[in-house]
Amino acid sequence: MRGLFGEIYHKGNAMKFGYYPGCALHGSSNDYEDSLRAVLKRLDVQMEELDDWLCCGATAAHALNYQLSVALPTRNLAIAERDGYGEVLAPCPLCSMELIKSKKKLSESKELRAKMSEIVELSVTGSTEILNLIQLFHEIGMEQILAKATGKLESLRPACYYGCLMTRPGKLLDFDDAEQPSSMDKMVEALGAVPVEWNCKTECCGAGTTMSDPDTVLELARRILQNAVDHGANCIVVACPMCHVNLDMKQSAVNERYGTDFAVPIYYLSDLIGLSMDIGRKELALDRHFVKVP
C-alpha cells in the first residue's frame, strides 16, 4: 500500500529499521531520541540500535585522515549488513550524509570494498539503505500516520527548516529539491498545520561550529529566527539535532546579543507528529526544550 507521497509501508506487520543514533542522540540531543521513540512506538515501527556502532567521524575526520573518514562510517554500514538490516535510520543529517557518502564510494570501487572490509574487520558491500527522519516518515506513509492522529495542528504556522545538509548535495541526496525542498512542508500540512513560505529553508545555522565560533552561530541563528517571524511563523520545525541546538538552546543568547525578544518554539518533526497523535508533552520530551512550547 502506498502513502500520500507514493511510499510503500507495511500494513499488518510491524516495520523494522536499524537505528544509528550517532553521538548526538545519546548525548546533547537525547530529547530528539525520546520524541522519535515515542512516535514510532505509537506507529508500531521497530527501531533497533546497531550493536557496537561507533562515531561516523563528523565533523573532523575528513580534515584529518581521508582513510579514517571512510572507515568510520563503513564500520557502521558493515555492522548493519552483518545483522541483516536492509534500511538504517540515521536521524542526524550529518551522520546520514557520512554514511551515504561512504556507501557511494564503496559501491563504485571493488578495491575500496576489499580494503575497507580488511580495515573494519567485517565484510562490507555498501548495500544497506540509509534514511533520514523525513525519509523514514515518508516510507511509513501518511495514511499510516493520519490513521493514528487524534487532533489537528491548525494553530501552528511552522517554518519548515531543512538546514544545509538535509537535501545537499542534491546529486547524492535526491529525495527532495536541494534548494526548495517541500517534503516536510507537505507532511506538516497533512497534519493540519499551515507551513509558511520563507527564505531560510536551507540556510546554514552554523552546525558544529557552535563551540568553536559562537559569534557566527548567533548571527546565523538570528537571521533564521528573524526571517521565520517576518514571514508569519509561530514556530520552527527541524529534523536535525544541531539545528535544534542552535535555534532552541542558543535563542536566549541571540536575544541577549542583539536585543531581540524571540520566543520561537523549535519542534522536531517527530514532535508535531506526536502532538497530532495526542502523545504527552513529557513523553515527547518537550519539557526539556529551552524555549517553552505552548
Foldseek 3Di string as FASTA:
>chain_A
DAFPVGAAADPPDAAEAEEEAADCCVPVNVLQVLLVVVLSVLLRHHYHYQPPQDHLCPPPNVVPDVLSNLLNLQLVQLSCVVVPGQEYEYLALVSLVSNLVSLVVLQVDPVVQVVSCVVSVGRHRSRHHYDYPLRVDNNNHLVSLVVLFDAADAVFAAAEAEEARNCPPVVRRVPADNQDGCSLVVNNVSRHYHYFDWHHNHYHLCFPCCPVCVVSNLVSLVVVQVGCVVRPGQAYEYRHPSVLCSNFVCVVVSCVVPVDDDLHHYHYSSVSSCVSSVNDCVSSVQVVTRRHDD
